[in-house]
């Protein structure tokens, strides 16, 4: 976390120190990213546990995009008290449905599920993730992720500390083809650009012509940095290295034993190992090589020796205590996954998980890790939409309140769909039909389905009324319309009438 004095960001001397700090953070994140991708291979054995842990954690937390709903205050007493004390109208400022449509629209054209997944992945790999916010030429509110390896956030010295800017560093070529280092700093009021000639001593010059004014309520950037400066595998890197070392040593032992020497006791070769050539140089005797190969390929070998000094042939092997080696590896693997809080899917516990409840218990440790992650993402999502809502209110004279946005994060776990369906069916009448449909484990458009149900109910009522007119003329006026139908159809009509009433509320 880099803390700065915002008022000094235009000072070329001050900015040098800030940039150097930023580069150290970026180098650390680049090293983590290289470790994740294994792009800097240093050993002949690479066990990509970093890749595994990131994939599992990202899929679990980022596999399903967060839900964003508008929850307006309905408690009249609370509304009255807040109005009296703070002169603030809560839940009365804008149309809830209109606000919901706006939020959904912004998320839809930004492809929020993809952006969210990429941000989560970056966070677990590098311990940070970033996205820029801006309004495009079509007046759409955009948020687009940027690389964590060349980006850092800037914070002030207040308590609690607040985000005052975001810094990006990259290299590009000028019109002459010369490499120029570019530094971009974005605050809530302006965009600053510094340039540095890579071949020259580091003198960062502020480009006044490129400076732009910014008019946002908050810094137009989504930025999350792990408060402890850790990524998901930071605390187990040494254990992963130890595991790779022991597997690499075992591999070398097997390779050496594959080329083991044969020891002959009580056997003397007929040809000497070394002889001299015509020029007097010592060379390996070709006849000895042929003899050795013949011995190795022979099906029977005869050695001399008496009963007290018996001859023998045996391989010179490097001993390997396989039991100790396997126990060591098992211990390392258990410690790695325990400390990372990531479940090992090869564990027999997963094969014995007979229902979704048992599976959730296996992810309990990862859930503890994600508690902090979820809170960080929720805070930044709210800040981002606070920016968007403020800009929309200013431009279009609306009264949307970002604090009415409720964000819910769901976990991506296999579920027993029948269990989920039965649970939500049992809640019908306690919660709204809209809530029931939204929580079913199917890809269903709630508004479309409710509209279809209402249309279907209206058609059934029309058919019933048409049939009633041509029915029995002798039925008394006090007889209920549904009593004219067979019992099964009576019950169906009553359910449709109930469902229509619910939908029309």
Protein backbone atom coordinates (compact mmCIF):
# COMPACT_ATOMS: atom_id res chain seq x y z
CA UNK A 1 0.00 0.00 0.00
CA UNK A 2 1.51 3.31 -1.14
CA UNK A 3 0.59 6.45 0.80
CA UNK A 4 1.07 9.88 -0.76
CA UNK A 5 0.23 13.51 -0.28
CA UNK A 6 -2.23 14.23 -3.08
CA UNK A 7 -1.21 17.91 -3.24
CA UNK A 8 2.34 16.93 -4.23
CA UNK A 9 1.49 14.67 -7.20
CA UNK A 10 2.39 17.46 -9.65
CA UNK A 11 5.83 17.90 -8.08
CA UNK A 12 8.42 16.23 -10.36
CA UNK A 13 10.90 15.75 -7.52
CA UNK A 14 8.31 14.25 -5.19
CA UNK A 15 6.93 11.90 -7.83
CA UNK A 16 10.29 10.12 -8.29
CA UNK A 17 10.03 8.51 -4.86
CA UNK A 18 6.42 7.50 -5.44
CA UNK A 19 7.26 5.89 -8.78
CA UNK A 20 10.16 3.91 -7.30
CA UNK A 21 7.87 2.57 -4.56
CA UNK A 22 5.28 1.69 -7.18
CA UNK A 23 7.83 -0.19 -9.29
CA UNK A 24 8.85 -2.32 -6.30
CA UNK A 25 5.22 -3.30 -5.75
CA UNK A 26 4.77 -4.04 -9.44
CA UNK A 27 7.93 -6.18 -9.51
CA UNK A 28 6.59 -8.21 -6.58
CA UNK A 29 3.30 -8.77 -8.38
CA UNK A 30 5.09 -9.68 -11.61
CA UNK A 31 7.14 -12.30 -9.74
CA UNK A 32 3.92 -13.80 -8.33
CA UNK A 33 2.36 -13.83 -11.78
CA UNK A 34 5.43 -15.56 -13.23
CA UNK A 35 5.25 -18.14 -10.46
CA UNK A 36 1.57 -18.72 -11.26
CA UNK A 37 2.25 -19.20 -14.99
CA UNK A 38 5.59 -20.98 -14.39
CA UNK A 39 7.11 -18.73 -17.06
CA UNK A 40 10.46 -18.64 -15.23
CA UNK A 41 11.27 -22.32 -14.87
CA UNK A 42 14.19 -22.84 -12.51
CA UNK A 43 13.86 -26.56 -11.78
CA UNK A 44 13.35 -29.68 -13.83
CA UNK A 45 10.26 -30.41 -11.71
CA UNK A 46 7.45 -27.85 -11.48
CA UNK A 47 4.38 -28.62 -9.40
CA UNK A 48 1.87 -25.90 -10.29
CA UNK A 49 0.06 -25.77 -6.96
CA UNK A 50 -0.18 -22.00 -7.36
CA UNK A 51 -2.19 -22.51 -10.56
CA UNK A 52 -4.40 -25.12 -8.88
CA UNK A 53 -5.11 -22.99 -5.80
CA UNK A 54 -5.90 -19.90 -7.89
CA UNK A 55 -8.22 -21.83 -10.19
CA UNK A 56 -10.18 -23.39 -7.32
CA UNK A 57 -10.50 -20.16 -5.32
CA UNK A 58 -11.37 -18.06 -8.37
CA UNK A 59 -14.01 -20.50 -9.57
CA UNK A 60 -15.52 -20.79 -6.09
CA UNK A 61 -15.82 -17.05 -5.44
CA UNK A 62 -15.79 -15.54 -8.94
CA UNK A 63 -17.65 -18.22 -10.89
CA UNK A 64 -21.02 -16.54 -10.29
CA UNK A 65 -21.39 -12.79 -10.71
CA UNK A 66 -22.72 -10.89 -7.68
CA UNK A 67 -26.41 -10.05 -7.46
CA UNK A 68 -27.28 -6.36 -7.24
CA UNK A 69 -30.81 -5.51 -6.15
CA UNK A 70 -32.53 -2.34 -5.03
CA UNK A 71 -33.78 -2.57 -1.45
CA UNK A 72 -35.77 0.49 -0.42
CA UNK A 73 -36.58 1.19 3.21
CA UNK A 74 -40.19 0.29 4.12
CA UNK A 75 -40.04 0.74 7.90
CA UNK A 76 -42.18 3.87 8.38
CA UNK A 77 -40.86 4.51 11.87
CA UNK A 78 -37.26 4.38 10.69
CA UNK A 79 -38.08 6.66 7.75
CA UNK A 80 -39.72 9.15 10.11
CA UNK A 81 -36.83 9.18 12.59
CA UNK A 82 -34.19 9.64 9.89
CA UNK A 83 -36.23 12.42 8.33
CA UNK A 84 -36.56 14.14 11.71
CA UNK A 85 -32.92 13.80 12.78
CA UNK A 86 -31.02 14.10 9.51
CA UNK A 87 -33.63 15.59 7.16
CA UNK A 88 -32.99 12.64 4.84
CA UNK A 89 -35.69 10.78 2.96
CA UNK A 90 -34.80 7.09 2.84
CA UNK A 91 -36.34 4.83 0.22
CA UNK A 92 -38.55 7.60 -1.16
CA UNK A 93 -36.30 9.31 -3.68
CA UNK A 94 -36.69 7.30 -6.85
CA UNK A 95 -38.62 4.56 -8.56
CA UNK A 96 -37.27 1.20 -7.42
CA UNK A 97 -38.03 -0.60 -10.69
CA UNK A 98 -36.46 2.16 -12.78
CA UNK A 99 -33.32 2.11 -10.61
CA UNK A 100 -33.05 -1.68 -10.91
CA UNK A 101 -33.35 -1.53 -14.69
CA UNK A 102 -30.59 1.09 -14.82
CA UNK A 103 -28.18 -0.96 -12.67
CA UNK A 104 -28.87 -4.14 -14.65
CA UNK A 105 -28.33 -2.27 -17.92
CA UNK A 106 -24.93 -0.90 -16.83
CA UNK A 107 -23.77 -4.34 -15.72
CA UNK A 108 -25.07 -6.03 -18.86
CA UNK A 109 -23.20 -3.93 -21.43
CA UNK A 110 -20.05 -4.13 -19.28
CA UNK A 111 -20.29 -7.95 -19.24
CA UNK A 112 -20.03 -7.90 -15.46
CA UNK A 113 -19.65 -11.71 -14.99
CA UNK A 114 -16.47 -11.69 -17.08
CA UNK A 115 -15.05 -8.55 -15.48
CA UNK A 116 -15.79 -9.88 -12.00
CA UNK A 117 -14.12 -13.25 -12.72
CA UNK A 118 -10.98 -11.58 -14.12
CA UNK A 119 -10.73 -9.21 -11.15
CA UNK A 120 -11.05 -12.09 -8.68
CA UNK A 121 -8.41 -14.09 -10.56
CA UNK A 122 -5.98 -11.16 -10.53
CA UNK A 123 -6.60 -10.65 -6.81
CA UNK A 124 -5.76 -14.25 -5.90
CA UNK A 125 -2.65 -14.30 -8.13
CA UNK A 126 -1.10 -10.93 -7.26
CA UNK A 127 -2.96 -9.83 -4.13
CA UNK A 128 -4.54 -6.91 -6.03
CA UNK A 129 -6.92 -6.07 -8.88
CA UNK A 130 -7.90 -2.88 -10.69
CA UNK A 131 -10.43 -1.49 -13.18
CA UNK A 132 -10.80 1.96 -14.71
CA UNK A 133 -14.12 3.81 -14.76
CA UNK A 134 -15.10 6.26 -17.49
CA UNK A 135 -17.98 7.50 -19.61
CA UNK A 136 -17.66 6.69 -23.30
CA UNK A 137 -18.87 8.65 -26.32
CA UNK A 138 -22.26 6.92 -26.15
CA UNK A 139 -22.73 8.18 -22.58
CA UNK A 140 -22.35 4.66 -21.21
CA UNK A 141 -20.71 4.11 -17.83
CA UNK A 142 -17.79 1.74 -18.42
CA UNK A 143 -15.57 -0.21 -16.06
CA UNK A 144 -12.73 -2.19 -17.61
CA UNK A 145 -10.09 -4.24 -15.81
CA UNK A 146 -6.41 -3.33 -16.21
CA UNK A 147 -3.29 -5.40 -15.53
CA UNK A 148 -2.42 -5.65 -11.86
CA UNK A 149 1.28 -6.07 -12.70
CA UNK A 150 1.64 -2.46 -13.89
CA UNK A 151 -0.90 -0.74 -11.62
CA UNK A 152 -0.99 0.43 -8.00
CA UNK A 153 -3.45 2.44 -5.92
CA UNK A 154 -2.47 5.58 -4.02
CA UNK A 155 -3.83 6.34 -0.55
CA UNK A 156 -3.67 9.37 1.75
CA UNK A 157 -2.52 9.60 5.37
CA UNK A 158 -5.95 10.07 6.94
CA UNK A 159 -7.65 7.75 9.43
CA UNK A 160 -9.15 5.68 7.99
CA UNK A 161 -7.02 6.00 4.89
CA UNK A 162 -8.81 6.89 1.66
CA UNK A 163 -8.00 6.12 -1.95
CA UNK A 164 -6.82 9.32 -3.64
CA UNK A 165 -5.58 7.99 -6.97
CA UNK A 166 -4.37 5.15 -9.14
CA UNK A 167 -1.03 4.89 -10.97
CA UNK A 168 -0.22 2.92 -14.13
CA UNK A 169 3.25 2.51 -15.67
CA UNK A 170 3.96 1.14 -19.14
CA UNK A 171 6.42 1.53 -22.04
CA UNK A 172 5.50 2.83 -25.48
CA UNK A 173 7.31 4.28 -28.50
CA UNK A 174 7.27 7.92 -29.54
CA UNK A 175 7.13 9.20 -33.13
CA UNK A 176 10.88 8.56 -33.58
CA UNK A 177 10.62 4.94 -32.42
CA UNK A 178 12.33 5.65 -29.09
CA UNK A 179 11.11 3.77 -26.01
CA UNK A 180 9.40 6.08 -23.55
CA UNK A 181 8.26 5.14 -20.07
CA UNK A 182 4.76 6.49 -19.43
CA UNK A 183 3.30 7.12 -15.98
CA UNK A 184 -0.41 7.89 -15.68
CA UNK A 185 -1.92 9.09 -12.39
CA UNK A 186 -5.71 9.43 -12.09
CA UNK A 187 -7.36 11.24 -9.20
CA UNK A 188 -10.94 12.40 -8.73
CA UNK A 189 -10.07 15.77 -10.31
CA UNK A 190 -7.43 15.18 -12.98
CA UNK A 191 -5.33 12.83 -15.09
CA UNK A 192 -1.58 13.44 -14.94
CA UNK A 193 0.99 12.05 -17.38
CA UNK A 194 4.72 11.80 -16.70
CA UNK A 195 7.29 10.74 -19.29
CA UNK A 196 10.79 9.32 -18.93
CA UNK A 197 13.39 8.49 -21.59
CA UNK A 198 14.44 4.92 -20.68
CA UNK A 199 18.00 5.43 -21.94
CA UNK A 200 18.52 8.64 -19.97
CA UNK A 201 18.85 9.10 -16.19
CA UNK A 202 15.43 8.83 -14.58
CA UNK A 203 13.98 12.30 -14.83
CA UNK A 204 10.21 12.17 -14.84
CA UNK A 205 8.75 15.18 -16.63
CA UNK A 206 5.11 16.20 -16.26
CA UNK A 207 3.42 16.54 -19.68
CA UNK A 208 1.19 19.59 -19.25
CA UNK A 209 -0.41 19.16 -22.69
CA UNK A 210 -1.68 15.68 -21.84
CA UNK A 211 -3.11 16.66 -18.46
CA UNK A 212 -6.90 16.33 -18.34
CA UNK A 213 -9.53 17.50 -15.90
CA UNK A 214 -11.67 14.81 -14.29
CA UNK A 215 -15.10 15.40 -12.81
CA UNK A 216 -16.06 12.45 -10.62
CA UNK A 217 -17.36 12.24 -7.07
CA UNK A 218 -14.70 9.64 -6.19
CA UNK A 219 -11.52 8.39 -7.85
CA UNK A 220 -12.79 6.74 -11.08
CA UNK A 221 -11.05 3.45 -10.43
CA UNK A 222 -11.88 0.09 -8.88
CA UNK A 223 -8.90 -0.91 -6.73
CA UNK A 224 -8.46 -3.74 -4.24
CA UNK A 225 -5.15 -4.50 -2.52
CA UNK A 226 -4.74 -7.19 0.10
CA UNK A 227 -4.24 -5.40 3.45
CA UNK A 228 -1.48 -7.87 4.38
CA UNK A 229 0.25 -7.63 1.01
CA UNK A 230 -0.32 -11.35 0.33
CA UNK A 231 -1.65 -13.41 -2.54
CA UNK A 232 -3.29 -16.80 -2.07
CA UNK A 233 -0.01 -18.77 -2.25
CA UNK A 234 2.42 -16.28 -0.66
CA UNK A 235 2.66 -18.09 2.67
CA UNK A 236 3.36 -21.54 1.20
CA UNK A 237 5.98 -20.78 -1.44
CA UNK A 238 8.79 -22.35 0.61
CA UNK A 239 6.70 -25.49 1.20
CA UNK A 240 5.97 -25.81 -2.52
CA UNK A 241 9.71 -25.44 -3.21
CA UNK A 242 10.46 -28.19 -0.67
CA UNK A 243 7.91 -30.49 -2.30
CA UNK A 244 9.43 -29.86 -5.72
CA UNK A 245 12.91 -30.54 -4.30
CA UNK A 246 12.06 -33.93 -2.85
CA UNK A 247 10.29 -35.02 -6.03
CA UNK A 248 13.22 -33.76 -8.10
CA UNK A 249 15.68 -35.71 -5.89
CA UNK A 250 13.64 -38.88 -6.29
CA UNK A 251 13.60 -38.36 -10.05
CA UNK A 252 17.40 -37.99 -10.11
CA UNK A 253 17.78 -41.16 -8.02
CA UNK A 254 15.67 -43.18 -10.43
CA UNK A 255 17.61 -41.77 -13.39
CA UNK A 256 20.95 -42.66 -11.76
CA UNK A 257 19.79 -46.15 -10.94
CA UNK A 258 18.65 -46.61 -14.54
CA UNK A 259 22.32 -46.11 -15.51
CA UNK A 260 23.70 -48.10 -12.56
CA UNK A 261 27.10 -49.84 -12.71
CA UNK A 262 27.36 -53.64 -12.58
CA UNK A 263 29.86 -54.87 -10.00
CA UNK A 264 31.58 -58.20 -10.70
CA UNK A 265 33.15 -59.92 -7.66
CA UNK A 266 35.44 -62.87 -8.39
CA UNK A 267 35.48 -62.21 -12.12
CA UNK A 268 38.40 -60.81 -14.09
CA UNK A 269 38.02 -59.51 -17.64
CA UNK A 270 40.29 -60.87 -20.33
CA UNK A 271 41.03 -57.41 -21.80
CA UNK A 272 42.50 -54.41 -20.05
CA UNK A 273 40.40 -51.23 -19.74
CA UNK A 274 43.08 -48.88 -21.07
CA UNK A 275 45.74 -49.38 -23.77
CA UNK A 276 48.13 -47.12 -25.66
CA UNK A 277 47.66 -46.24 -29.31
CA UNK A 278 50.40 -45.99 -31.92
CA UNK A 279 51.31 -42.50 -30.76
CA UNK A 280 51.56 -43.54 -27.11
CA UNK A 281 48.29 -41.95 -25.98
CA UNK A 282 46.16 -43.76 -23.42
CA UNK A 283 42.77 -44.81 -24.82
CA UNK A 284 39.87 -47.08 -23.84
CA UNK A 285 40.40 -50.59 -25.17
CA UNK A 286 37.74 -51.36 -27.87
CA UNK A 287 38.02 -55.06 -27.06
CA UNK A 288 37.19 -54.31 -23.41
CA UNK A 289 34.05 -52.47 -24.46
CA UNK A 290 32.93 -55.44 -26.54
CA UNK A 291 33.67 -57.79 -23.66
CA UNK A 292 31.66 -55.68 -21.17
CA UNK A 293 28.69 -55.52 -23.54
CA UNK A 294 28.86 -59.27 -24.03
CA UNK A 295 28.81 -59.80 -20.25
CA UNK A 296 25.78 -57.50 -19.87
CA UNK A 297 23.86 -59.28 -22.61
CA UNK A 298 24.79 -62.81 -21.59
CA UNK A 299 22.01 -65.01 -20.12
CA UNK A 300 24.50 -66.90 -17.94
CA UNK A 301 27.55 -65.65 -16.08
CA UNK A 302 30.19 -67.78 -14.44
CA UNK A 303 32.36 -66.44 -11.67
CA UNK A 304 35.30 -68.03 -9.89
CA UNK A 305 35.67 -68.39 -6.15
CA UNK A 306 35.78 -70.91 -3.34
CA UNK A 307 33.22 -71.50 -0.62
CA UNK A 308 34.80 -68.86 1.64
CA UNK A 309 35.22 -66.25 -1.10
CA UNK A 310 32.34 -66.61 -3.46
CA UNK A 311 32.07 -64.48 -6.57
CA UNK A 312 29.02 -62.40 -7.32
CA UNK A 313 27.45 -59.88 -9.74
CA UNK A 314 25.32 -57.01 -8.40
CA UNK A 315 24.19 -53.50 -9.37
CA UNK A 316 25.63 -50.44 -7.66
CA UNK A 317 22.39 -48.59 -6.74
CA UNK A 318 21.59 -45.38 -4.87
CA UNK A 319 19.33 -46.39 -2.04
CA UNK A 320 15.94 -44.67 -1.70
CA UNK A 321 13.78 -44.98 1.40
CA UNK A 322 10.47 -44.91 -0.44
CA UNK A 323 8.32 -44.99 2.72
CA UNK A 324 10.08 -42.01 4.30
CA UNK A 325 9.97 -40.13 1.00
CA UNK A 326 6.22 -40.66 0.54
CA UNK A 327 5.49 -39.68 4.13
CA UNK A 328 7.51 -36.50 3.66
CA UNK A 329 5.63 -35.60 0.49
CA UNK A 330 2.27 -36.33 2.08
CA UNK A 331 3.11 -34.11 5.06
CA UNK A 332 4.19 -31.24 2.80
CA UNK A 333 1.02 -31.50 0.70
CA UNK A 334 -1.20 -31.49 3.80
CA UNK A 335 0.56 -28.41 5.19
CA UNK A 336 0.37 -26.57 1.86
CA UNK A 337 -3.39 -27.00 1.44
CA UNK A 338 -4.09 -26.45 5.13
CA UNK A 339 -2.23 -23.12 5.22
CA UNK A 340 -3.65 -21.92 1.89
CA UNK A 341 -7.17 -22.81 3.11
CA UNK A 342 -7.83 -24.41 -0.29
CA UNK A 343 -9.41 -27.89 -0.32
CA UNK A 344 -7.52 -30.71 -1.99
CA UNK A 345 -10.03 -32.19 -4.44
CA UNK A 346 -8.06 -35.47 -4.59
CA UNK A 347 -8.89 -36.02 -0.93
CA UNK A 348 -11.05 -39.09 -0.34
CA UNK A 349 -13.42 -36.84 1.59
CA UNK A 350 -14.71 -35.43 -1.68
CA UNK A 351 -15.53 -38.82 -3.11
CA UNK A 352 -17.46 -39.59 0.08
CA UNK A 353 -19.43 -36.31 0.03
CA UNK A 354 -22.92 -37.66 -0.55
CA UNK A 355 -24.81 -34.34 -0.57
CA UNK A 356 -24.30 -30.61 -1.02
CA UNK A 357 -24.10 -30.06 2.74
CA UNK A 358 -21.13 -32.41 3.04
CA UNK A 359 -19.46 -30.69 0.09
CA UNK A 360 -19.91 -27.26 1.68
CA UNK A 361 -18.09 -28.50 4.79
CA UNK A 362 -15.07 -29.40 2.65
CA UNK A 363 -14.98 -25.77 1.47
CA UNK A 364 -15.30 -24.36 5.00
CA UNK A 365 -11.64 -23.34 5.23
CA UNK A 366 -11.75 -21.57 1.86
CA UNK A 367 -14.92 -19.79 2.97
CA UNK A 368 -13.00 -18.31 5.91
CA UNK A 369 -10.36 -16.97 3.52
CA UNK A 370 -12.99 -15.45 1.25
CA UNK A 371 -14.78 -13.56 4.04
CA UNK A 372 -12.20 -10.76 3.79
CA UNK A 373 -12.16 -10.92 -0.01
CA UNK A 374 -15.93 -10.55 -0.21
CA UNK A 375 -15.94 -7.49 2.04
CA UNK A 376 -13.22 -5.82 -0.04
CA UNK A 377 -15.08 -6.48 -3.30
CA UNK A 378 -18.40 -5.31 -1.86
CA UNK A 379 -16.87 -2.02 -0.71
CA UNK A 380 -15.33 -1.31 -4.12
CA UNK A 381 -18.46 -2.31 -6.06
CA UNK A 382 -20.52 0.13 -3.97
CA UNK A 383 -17.94 2.89 -4.46
CA UNK A 384 -17.92 2.29 -8.21
CA UNK A 385 -21.71 2.52 -8.50
CA UNK A 386 -21.74 5.52 -6.17
CA UNK A 387 -19.63 7.23 -8.82
CA UNK A 388 -21.97 6.13 -11.63
CA UNK A 389 -25.15 7.06 -9.76
CA UNK A 390 -23.82 10.49 -8.83
CA UNK A 391 -22.90 11.18 -12.46
CA UNK A 392 -26.33 10.02 -13.69
CA UNK A 393 -28.15 12.10 -11.09
CA UNK A 394 -26.12 15.16 -12.08
CA UNK A 395 -26.65 14.75 -15.82
CA UNK A 396 -30.30 13.68 -15.85
CA UNK A 397 -31.65 15.31 -12.66
CA UNK A 398 -32.63 11.97 -11.11
CA UNK A 399 -32.67 11.09 -7.41
CA UNK A 400 -31.20 7.60 -7.29
CA UNK A 401 -29.51 6.66 -4.01
CA UNK A 402 -26.54 4.29 -4.32
CA UNK A 403 -26.99 3.19 -0.67
CA UNK A 404 -30.16 1.36 -1.73
CA UNK A 405 -28.04 -1.05 -3.81
CA UNK A 406 -27.76 -4.40 -2.07
CA UNK A 407 -24.92 -6.66 -3.24
CA UNK A 408 -25.00 -10.42 -2.65
CA UNK A 409 -22.13 -12.75 -3.56
CA UNK A 410 -22.93 -16.37 -4.34
CA UNK A 411 -20.58 -19.35 -4.21
CA UNK A 412 -20.03 -21.57 -7.21
CA UNK A 413 -20.61 -25.05 -5.79
CA UNK A 414 -22.35 -28.09 -7.28
CA UNK A 415 -25.76 -28.41 -5.67
CA UNK A 416 -28.53 -30.95 -5.43
CA UNK A 417 -31.12 -29.14 -7.54
CA UNK A 418 -34.00 -31.16 -6.17
CA UNK A 419 -33.10 -30.14 -2.61
CA UNK A 420 -32.97 -26.47 -3.60
CA UNK A 421 -36.27 -26.62 -5.51
CA UNK A 422 -38.06 -28.32 -2.61
CA UNK A 423 -36.68 -25.80 -0.13
CA UNK A 424 -37.89 -22.78 -2.10
CA UNK A 425 -41.23 -24.40 -2.90
CA UNK A 426 -41.80 -24.75 0.83
CA UNK A 427 -41.33 -20.98 1.19
CA UNK A 428 -44.11 -20.05 -1.24
CA UNK A 429 -46.54 -17.82 0.56
CA UNK A 430 -43.83 -16.66 2.97
CA UNK A 431 -41.72 -14.93 0.34
CA UNK A 432 -42.76 -13.51 -3.02
CA UNK A 433 -43.04 -15.67 -6.13
CA UNK A 434 -40.40 -13.48 -7.73
CA UNK A 435 -37.92 -14.38 -4.97
CA UNK A 436 -38.76 -18.07 -5.33
CA UNK A 437 -38.10 -18.07 -9.08
CA UNK A 438 -34.89 -16.03 -8.75
CA UNK A 439 -33.41 -18.57 -6.35
CA UNK A 440 -34.22 -21.70 -8.33
CA UNK A 441 -31.05 -23.41 -9.67
CA UNK A 442 -32.01 -22.77 -13.29
CA UNK A 443 -31.24 -20.03 -15.80
CA UNK A 444 -34.68 -18.42 -15.74
CA UNK A 445 -35.61 -14.84 -16.60
CA UNK A 446 -37.87 -13.99 -13.67
CA UNK A 447 -39.76 -11.12 -15.29
CA UNK A 448 -40.43 -13.11 -18.46
CA UNK A 449 -41.68 -16.14 -16.55
CA UNK A 450 -43.98 -14.09 -14.30
CA UNK A 451 -45.42 -12.37 -17.37
CA UNK A 452 -46.00 -15.75 -19.05
CA UNK A 453 -47.67 -17.12 -15.93
CA UNK A 454 -50.02 -14.12 -15.79
CA UNK A 455 -50.82 -14.44 -19.49
CA UNK A 456 -51.48 -18.16 -19.08
CA UNK A 457 -53.75 -17.50 -16.10
CA UNK A 458 -55.70 -14.85 -18.02
CA UNK A 459 -56.22 -17.30 -20.90
CA UNK A 460 -57.50 -19.98 -18.52
CA UNK A 461 -59.95 -17.53 -16.96
CA UNK A 462 -61.24 -16.50 -20.42
CA UNK A 463 -61.74 -20.13 -21.42
CA UNK A 464 -63.51 -20.84 -18.16
CA UNK A 465 -65.86 -17.86 -18.59
CA UNK A 466 -66.63 -18.89 -22.19
CA UNK A 467 -67.45 -22.46 -21.10
CA UNK A 468 -69.63 -21.15 -18.27
CA UNK A 469 -71.87 -19.20 -20.67
CA UNK A 470 -72.71 -22.34 -22.66
CA UNK A 471 -72.99 -24.51 -19.57
CA UNK A 472 -75.95 -25.81 -17.68
CA UNK A 473 -78.69 -23.12 -17.65
CA UNK A 474 -80.25 -24.64 -14.53
CA UNK A 475 -77.30 -23.97 -12.22
CA UNK A 476 -78.35 -21.57 -9.43
CA UNK A 477 -77.03 -18.02 -9.35
CA UNK A 478 -75.39 -18.61 -5.95
CA UNK A 479 -73.31 -21.52 -7.26
CA UNK A 480 -69.61 -20.70 -7.55
CA UNK A 481 -68.24 -20.66 -11.09
CA UNK A 482 -65.57 -23.20 -10.16
CA UNK A 483 -68.22 -25.61 -8.84
CA UNK A 484 -69.35 -26.20 -12.46
CA UNK A 485 -66.03 -27.87 -13.23
CA UNK A 486 -64.77 -31.36 -12.37
CA UNK A 487 -62.91 -31.46 -9.06
CA UNK A 488 -59.41 -31.67 -10.62
CA UNK A 489 -60.09 -28.71 -12.90
CA UNK A 490 -61.65 -26.79 -9.99
CA UNK A 491 -58.39 -27.07 -8.00
CA UNK A 492 -56.31 -26.03 -11.00
CA UNK A 493 -58.47 -22.96 -11.61
CA UNK A 494 -58.29 -21.95 -7.97
CA UNK A 495 -54.46 -22.18 -8.06
CA UNK A 496 -54.37 -20.07 -11.23
CA UNK A 497 -56.64 -17.47 -9.61
CA UNK A 498 -54.32 -17.37 -6.56
CA UNK A 499 -51.21 -17.09 -8.74
CA UNK A 500 -52.83 -14.28 -10.82
CA UNK A 501 -53.63 -12.37 -7.65
CA UNK A 502 -50.03 -12.76 -6.45
CA UNK A 503 -48.58 -11.59 -9.76
CA UNK A 504 -50.80 -8.52 -9.93
CA UNK A 505 -49.58 -7.20 -6.56
